[in-house]
Amino acid sequence: MNSRIFALALIISTLVSCSTPSGKSEGTSQDKRSRRAYSLAIHGGAGTITKANMTPEKEAAYTAALDSALTIGENILKNGGSALDAVEQTIVFLENCPLFNAGKGAVFTHEGRNELDASVMDGSTLKAGAVGGVTTVKNPVRLARAVMEKSPHVMLTGRGAEQFAAENGLELVSPEWFYTEERWQSLQKALEAEKRESKTGDMTDPARRDYKFGTVGCVALDKDGHLAAGTSTGGMTNKRWNRLGDAPVIGAGTYASDDACAVSCTGHGEYFIRYSVAHDVWARVTYLGETIEQATEYIVNKKLAENGGEGGLIAVDRYGNVAMPFNSEGMYRGFTIPGERKVMIYR
């Protein structure tokens, strides 16, 4: 009699456990959702971006540049190209555009140099490449990809990274190529603000607000369901001591994995490093089963905002859904999916 009762209890227990919903089964049901043929999102930096400090001509120039960047990436994806190619070529365009703080439009360090950082990640393999503090590589994102594909390493910096670029035939330029008058004047204002602060002790000078921001990035999903992400930047105006931000740090400024999402960040890099923002988006989608909108909204507008981290990010999940939250006054951004395309600047 006892053996019959035990057997019956075992059967009931098995039936109950098999019929109880779990996080894993919910994730499986999400896998049945239709996936878009492609998806691509870009950002050109976040910060004090308002209509009040933007001329109509400058707004039109930014809008046109973002739209052109979207076209480059979208054409690659429409023609069956890879997410990684779309990300690289889109960022190359943004690096060559003097409007953005990357490549040609990079900000200046305290010593008056342009020190460039970039990273890429392939969601299909989890391979990644990053470079930091380069001064003569025309397109740092191309160097980051070369590090990923042609070296056993993930990150190279400074002279070593430039030597690797030369050995692999990447285009090198004179440091003067990166000069733009607007960025030079931004440094002069920052230096003047620094002098005032040293005299008064007041660390709230308005010029300081724009030290932290400015990055370009791209995330993409291709026809094969592969994801990729990339980020490139000139860093902070008036930075010293070969400072690196989140842009070249895999898991902080850039992350991509086919099982969840691709992410590229922009903002005050120190906070994005401390909170591993890009990877945290992936973790919340993967472990908590959150949508890309839920995960990014929580991280940007709660976790970062409540701890003093200002900026934003772009993300695309494995189904092609796009999220672009930010907690600063504005963020240059845009996305394109089949049947819909949009460029935005303000909140």
Protein backbone atom coordinates (compact mmCIF):
# COMPACT_ATOMS: atom_id res chain seq x y z
CA MET A 1 0.00 0.00 0.00
CA ASN A 2 2.80 2.39 0.89
CA SER A 3 4.57 1.66 -2.41
CA ARG A 4 1.37 2.47 -4.36
CA ILE A 5 0.97 5.78 -2.51
CA PHE A 6 4.61 6.65 -3.18
CA ALA A 7 4.25 5.85 -6.88
CA LEU A 8 1.07 7.95 -7.15
CA ALA A 9 2.76 10.86 -5.38
CA LEU A 10 5.72 10.62 -7.74
CA ILE A 11 3.43 10.71 -10.80
CA ILE A 12 1.51 13.73 -9.48
CA SER A 13 4.76 15.53 -8.65
CA THR A 14 6.10 14.89 -12.14
CA LEU A 15 2.91 16.13 -13.80
CA VAL A 16 2.90 19.32 -11.71
CA SER A 17 6.56 20.12 -12.42
CA CYS A 18 6.10 19.60 -16.16
CA SER A 19 3.06 21.87 -16.32
CA THR A 20 4.54 24.72 -14.25
CA PRO A 21 5.68 27.69 -16.41
CA SER A 22 9.35 28.55 -16.15
CA GLY A 23 11.56 31.38 -17.40
CA LYS A 24 13.11 29.01 -19.93
CA SER A 25 9.79 27.95 -21.48
CA GLU A 26 8.72 31.59 -21.69
CA GLY A 27 11.95 32.35 -23.55
CA THR A 28 11.23 29.49 -25.93
CA SER A 29 7.80 30.89 -26.73
CA GLN A 30 9.42 34.23 -27.55
CA ASP A 31 11.64 32.45 -30.05
CA LYS A 32 8.53 31.80 -32.17
CA ARG A 33 8.02 35.51 -32.78
CA SER A 34 8.70 36.66 -36.32
CA ARG A 35 12.08 38.23 -36.94
CA ARG A 36 12.50 41.32 -39.09
CA ALA A 37 14.51 40.92 -42.29
CA TYR A 38 16.97 43.49 -40.97
CA SER A 39 17.29 46.23 -38.40
CA LEU A 40 19.84 49.00 -37.90
CA ALA A 41 20.21 51.82 -35.40
CA ILE A 42 22.81 54.56 -35.01
CA HIS A 43 23.78 57.28 -32.55
CA GLY A 44 26.02 60.30 -32.89
CA GLY A 45 26.44 61.19 -29.25
CA ALA A 46 24.34 62.44 -26.34
CA GLY A 47 24.53 65.58 -24.24
CA THR A 48 23.35 69.18 -24.06
CA ILE A 49 21.51 69.09 -27.38
CA THR A 50 18.50 71.42 -27.54
CA LYS A 51 16.79 73.54 -30.16
CA ALA A 52 17.84 76.61 -28.19
CA ASN A 53 21.53 76.01 -28.95
CA MET A 54 21.08 74.65 -32.48
CA THR A 55 20.83 76.76 -35.63
CA PRO A 56 18.48 75.57 -38.42
CA GLU A 57 21.52 75.08 -40.68
CA LYS A 58 23.33 72.93 -38.14
CA GLU A 59 20.23 70.88 -37.41
CA ALA A 60 19.78 70.24 -41.13
CA ALA A 61 23.42 69.18 -41.42
CA TYR A 62 23.14 66.69 -38.54
CA THR A 63 19.86 65.31 -39.87
CA ALA A 64 21.32 64.82 -43.34
CA ALA A 65 24.46 63.14 -41.96
CA LEU A 66 22.47 60.72 -39.81
CA ASP A 67 20.20 59.94 -42.74
CA SER A 68 23.19 59.24 -45.00
CA ALA A 69 24.69 56.94 -42.37
CA LEU A 70 21.44 55.00 -42.16
CA THR A 71 21.38 54.63 -45.95
CA ILE A 72 24.88 53.13 -45.99
CA GLY A 73 24.05 50.49 -43.41
CA GLU A 74 20.59 49.77 -44.74
CA ASN A 75 21.83 49.21 -48.29
CA ILE A 76 24.33 46.63 -47.05
CA LEU A 77 21.63 44.78 -45.10
CA LYS A 78 19.04 45.00 -47.89
CA ASN A 79 21.54 43.42 -50.28
CA GLY A 80 22.18 40.50 -47.96
CA GLY A 81 25.34 41.83 -46.34
CA SER A 82 26.41 41.01 -42.80
CA ALA A 83 25.55 42.98 -39.68
CA LEU A 84 29.27 43.37 -39.03
CA ASP A 85 29.88 44.94 -42.45
CA ALA A 86 26.90 47.27 -41.98
CA VAL A 87 28.18 48.39 -38.58
CA GLU A 88 31.72 48.98 -39.79
CA GLN A 89 30.81 50.91 -42.94
CA THR A 90 28.22 53.04 -41.15
CA ILE A 91 30.70 54.03 -38.46
CA VAL A 92 33.41 54.75 -41.05
CA PHE A 93 31.06 57.33 -42.57
CA LEU A 94 30.42 58.89 -39.15
CA GLU A 95 34.15 58.92 -38.37
CA ASN A 96 34.79 60.81 -41.60
CA CYS A 97 32.07 63.37 -40.87
CA PRO A 98 33.41 66.37 -38.88
CA LEU A 99 30.06 66.88 -37.14
CA PHE A 100 30.64 64.01 -34.72
CA ASN A 101 33.15 63.34 -31.96
CA ALA A 102 34.91 60.48 -33.71
CA GLY A 103 37.61 60.39 -36.34
CA LYS A 104 37.69 63.69 -38.26
CA GLY A 105 35.55 65.53 -35.69
CA ALA A 106 37.25 64.18 -32.58
CA VAL A 107 37.69 66.43 -29.55
CA PHE A 108 41.08 67.50 -28.23
CA THR A 109 42.93 66.35 -25.14
CA HIS A 110 44.35 68.74 -22.56
CA GLU A 111 47.62 68.74 -24.50
CA GLY A 112 45.88 69.53 -27.80
CA ARG A 113 45.94 66.07 -29.37
CA ASN A 114 43.22 63.83 -30.80
CA GLU A 115 43.26 60.40 -29.13
CA LEU A 116 40.79 57.99 -30.70
CA ASP A 117 39.09 54.86 -29.33
CA ALA A 118 36.83 52.27 -30.97
CA SER A 119 35.45 48.76 -30.63
CA VAL A 120 33.40 46.19 -32.51
CA MET A 121 31.76 42.92 -31.51
CA ASP A 122 30.41 40.08 -33.64
CA GLY A 123 27.31 38.59 -32.04
CA SER A 124 27.59 35.33 -33.99
CA THR A 125 30.98 34.40 -32.52
CA LEU A 126 31.33 36.71 -29.48
CA LYS A 127 34.65 37.80 -30.92
CA ALA A 128 35.55 41.44 -30.33
CA GLY A 129 38.23 43.97 -31.13
CA ALA A 130 39.08 47.33 -29.59
CA VAL A 131 41.66 50.09 -29.82
CA GLY A 132 42.47 53.01 -27.55
CA GLY A 133 44.49 56.20 -27.74
CA VAL A 134 45.42 56.03 -31.43
CA THR A 135 46.43 59.27 -33.13
CA THR A 136 47.26 58.41 -36.75
CA VAL A 137 44.68 55.80 -37.80
CA LYS A 138 42.10 57.40 -40.08
CA ASN A 139 39.29 55.00 -39.17
CA PRO A 140 39.71 53.44 -35.72
CA VAL A 141 36.67 51.18 -36.21
CA ARG A 142 38.47 49.44 -39.07
CA LEU A 143 41.46 48.91 -36.83
CA ALA A 144 39.20 47.49 -34.11
CA ARG A 145 37.83 44.97 -36.60
CA ALA A 146 41.34 44.08 -37.72
CA VAL A 147 42.34 43.45 -34.11
CA MET A 148 39.34 41.12 -33.81
CA GLU A 149 40.00 39.21 -37.03
CA LYS A 150 43.78 39.33 -37.45
CA SER A 151 45.20 39.14 -33.94
CA PRO A 152 44.77 36.85 -30.94
CA HIS A 153 43.88 39.86 -28.78
CA VAL A 154 40.82 41.97 -27.98
CA MET A 155 42.33 45.39 -27.19
CA LEU A 156 45.41 47.24 -28.42
CA THR A 157 46.38 50.78 -27.45
CA GLY A 158 48.68 53.62 -28.41
CA ARG A 159 51.80 53.02 -30.47
CA GLY A 160 51.36 49.28 -30.52
CA ALA A 161 47.91 49.63 -32.03
CA GLU A 162 49.28 52.02 -34.65
CA GLN A 163 52.11 49.61 -35.49
CA PHE A 164 49.54 46.84 -35.90
CA ALA A 165 47.53 49.13 -38.21
CA ALA A 166 50.59 49.80 -40.37
CA GLU A 167 51.47 46.10 -40.57
CA ASN A 168 47.95 45.31 -41.73
CA GLY A 169 47.73 48.00 -44.39
CA LEU A 170 45.20 50.31 -42.74
CA GLU A 171 45.16 53.93 -43.83
CA LEU A 172 47.31 56.18 -41.67
CA VAL A 173 47.13 59.97 -41.64
CA SER A 174 48.93 62.89 -40.07
CA PRO A 175 47.43 63.89 -36.69
CA GLU A 176 46.51 67.21 -38.26
CA TRP A 177 43.92 65.43 -40.41
CA PHE A 178 41.61 65.18 -37.38
CA TYR A 179 41.68 68.90 -36.65
CA THR A 180 38.44 70.89 -36.77
CA GLU A 181 38.18 74.51 -35.64
CA GLU A 182 35.01 73.91 -33.64
CA ARG A 183 36.60 71.17 -31.53
CA TRP A 184 39.72 73.29 -31.02
CA GLN A 185 37.62 76.16 -29.72
CA SER A 186 35.78 73.77 -27.40
CA LEU A 187 39.13 72.88 -25.86
CA GLN A 188 40.01 76.55 -25.40
CA LYS A 189 36.70 77.14 -23.59
CA ALA A 190 37.33 74.11 -21.41
CA LEU A 191 40.82 75.32 -20.52
CA GLU A 192 39.48 78.75 -19.65
CA ALA A 193 36.78 77.19 -17.46
CA GLU A 194 39.45 75.11 -15.75
CA LYS A 195 41.41 78.26 -14.90
CA ARG A 196 38.31 79.93 -13.48
CA GLU A 197 37.54 76.87 -11.39
CA SER A 198 41.05 76.78 -9.96
CA LYS A 199 40.63 80.38 -8.79
CA THR A 200 37.07 80.22 -7.48
CA GLY A 201 36.70 76.57 -6.50
CA ASP A 202 33.36 76.52 -8.36
CA MET A 203 33.10 73.20 -10.21
CA THR A 204 29.73 73.96 -11.85
CA ASP A 205 30.98 75.94 -14.85
CA PRO A 206 28.60 75.37 -17.81
CA ALA A 207 31.53 74.61 -20.10
CA ARG A 208 32.18 71.47 -18.07
CA ARG A 209 28.87 69.89 -19.11
CA ASP A 210 30.06 69.09 -22.60
CA TYR A 211 33.36 67.50 -21.51
CA LYS A 212 31.83 64.06 -21.18
CA PHE A 213 29.75 63.44 -24.26
CA GLY A 214 30.16 62.51 -27.88
CA THR A 215 30.50 59.12 -29.46
CA VAL A 216 29.20 57.42 -32.60
CA GLY A 217 27.81 53.93 -32.71
CA CYS A 218 25.85 51.42 -34.73
CA VAL A 219 24.01 48.17 -34.02
CA ALA A 220 22.55 45.86 -36.64
CA LEU A 221 20.65 42.63 -37.28
CA ASP A 222 21.11 40.92 -40.67
CA LYS A 223 19.04 38.48 -42.74
CA ASP A 224 20.76 35.48 -41.15
CA GLY A 225 19.81 36.61 -37.66
CA HIS A 226 23.30 37.73 -36.72
CA LEU A 227 23.89 40.80 -34.57
CA ALA A 228 26.83 43.19 -34.40
CA ALA A 229 27.72 46.39 -32.56
CA GLY A 230 30.38 49.05 -32.85
CA THR A 231 31.36 52.31 -31.15
CA SER A 232 33.93 54.99 -31.94
CA THR A 233 34.90 58.21 -30.16
CA GLY A 234 37.40 60.96 -29.55
CA GLY A 235 36.60 60.77 -25.85
CA MET A 236 36.27 63.74 -23.49
CA THR A 237 37.29 67.29 -24.30
CA ASN A 238 40.32 68.22 -22.18
CA LYS A 239 41.00 64.64 -21.10
CA ARG A 240 44.43 63.81 -19.66
CA TRP A 241 46.79 60.95 -18.94
CA ASN A 242 45.67 58.81 -21.91
CA ARG A 243 42.22 58.45 -20.37
CA LEU A 244 40.00 55.77 -21.91
CA GLY A 245 36.22 55.79 -21.62
CA ASP A 246 33.65 53.09 -22.24
CA ALA A 247 33.76 53.11 -26.06
CA PRO A 248 36.69 50.66 -26.37
CA VAL A 249 35.63 48.56 -23.38
CA ILE A 250 33.71 45.45 -24.41
CA GLY A 251 30.75 45.04 -22.06
CA ALA A 252 30.71 48.71 -21.09
CA GLY A 253 30.28 50.67 -24.32
CA THR A 254 29.79 47.83 -26.81
CA TYR A 255 28.29 44.35 -26.68
CA ALA A 256 26.62 41.92 -29.08
CA SER A 257 25.39 38.35 -28.83
CA ASP A 258 23.04 36.61 -31.23
CA ASP A 259 21.06 35.08 -28.39
CA ALA A 260 19.78 38.44 -27.16
CA CYS A 261 20.88 41.84 -28.46
CA ALA A 262 23.50 44.29 -29.69
CA VAL A 263 24.27 47.52 -27.80
CA SER A 264 26.31 50.70 -28.33
CA CYS A 265 26.53 53.41 -25.66
CA THR A 266 27.28 57.12 -25.44
CA GLY A 267 27.65 59.38 -22.44
CA HIS A 268 29.83 59.81 -19.36
CA GLY A 269 32.06 56.82 -19.92
CA GLU A 270 33.22 56.32 -16.35
CA TYR A 271 29.67 55.47 -15.29
CA PHE A 272 29.11 53.15 -18.24
CA ILE A 273 32.28 51.28 -17.28
CA ARG A 274 31.35 51.03 -13.60
CA TYR A 275 27.92 49.64 -14.37
CA SER A 276 28.95 47.46 -17.35
CA VAL A 277 26.03 49.02 -19.18
CA ALA A 278 26.18 47.27 -22.56
CA HIS A 279 26.56 43.82 -21.01
CA ASP A 280 23.94 44.59 -18.38
CA VAL A 281 21.38 45.12 -21.15
CA TRP A 282 22.22 41.65 -22.48
CA ALA A 283 22.03 40.18 -18.97
CA ARG A 284 18.59 41.59 -18.23
CA VAL A 285 17.23 40.37 -21.56
CA THR A 286 18.83 36.94 -21.09
CA TYR A 287 18.37 36.22 -17.39
CA LEU A 288 15.25 38.23 -16.54
CA GLY A 289 13.46 37.73 -19.84
CA GLU A 290 12.90 41.46 -20.23
CA THR A 291 12.18 43.02 -23.60
CA ILE A 292 14.86 45.24 -25.08
CA GLU A 293 12.69 48.25 -24.23
CA GLN A 294 12.30 47.22 -20.58
CA ALA A 295 15.98 46.42 -20.10
CA THR A 296 17.35 49.59 -21.65
CA GLU A 297 14.76 51.85 -20.02
CA TYR A 298 15.63 50.51 -16.56
CA ILE A 299 19.38 50.82 -17.05
CA VAL A 300 19.42 54.31 -18.60
CA ASN A 301 16.58 56.08 -16.83
CA LYS A 302 16.77 54.39 -13.44
CA LYS A 303 20.09 52.70 -12.72
CA LEU A 304 22.31 55.26 -14.45
CA ALA A 305 20.14 58.31 -13.81
CA GLU A 306 19.84 57.63 -10.08
CA ASN A 307 23.61 57.28 -9.77
CA GLY A 308 24.64 60.36 -11.75
CA GLY A 309 25.41 58.69 -15.06
CA GLU A 310 24.30 60.79 -18.01
CA GLY A 311 23.96 59.61 -21.60
CA GLY A 312 22.13 56.99 -23.62
CA LEU A 313 22.41 53.94 -25.82
CA ILE A 314 21.06 52.21 -28.89
CA ALA A 315 20.12 48.54 -28.95
CA VAL A 316 18.54 46.01 -31.28
CA ASP A 317 17.37 42.59 -30.15
CA ARG A 318 17.41 39.29 -32.03
CA TYR A 319 13.95 39.96 -33.44
CA GLY A 320 14.89 43.37 -34.83
CA ASN A 321 13.23 45.50 -32.16
CA VAL A 322 15.01 48.81 -31.53
CA ALA A 323 15.44 50.80 -28.31
CA MET A 324 17.17 54.19 -28.02
CA PRO A 325 16.72 55.60 -24.49
CA PHE A 326 18.73 58.52 -23.11
CA ASN A 327 18.61 60.67 -19.97
CA SER A 328 20.48 63.71 -21.33
CA GLU A 329 18.82 66.65 -23.07
CA GLY A 330 19.29 65.16 -26.50
CA MET A 331 20.90 62.36 -28.50
CA TYR A 332 21.66 62.22 -32.21
CA ARG A 333 20.05 58.99 -33.29
CA GLY A 334 18.15 57.11 -35.98
CA PHE A 335 16.96 53.68 -37.00
CA THR A 336 15.74 51.82 -40.04
CA ILE A 337 13.69 48.63 -40.30
CA PRO A 338 11.65 47.33 -43.23
CA GLY A 339 8.91 49.89 -43.84
CA GLU A 340 10.06 52.43 -41.26
CA ARG A 341 12.94 54.87 -40.96
CA LYS A 342 13.48 57.76 -38.56
CA VAL A 343 16.11 60.33 -37.56
CA MET A 344 15.85 62.22 -34.27
CA ILE A 345 17.87 64.70 -32.23
CA TYR A 346 15.84 66.11 -29.35
CA ARG A 347 13.95 64.48 -26.52
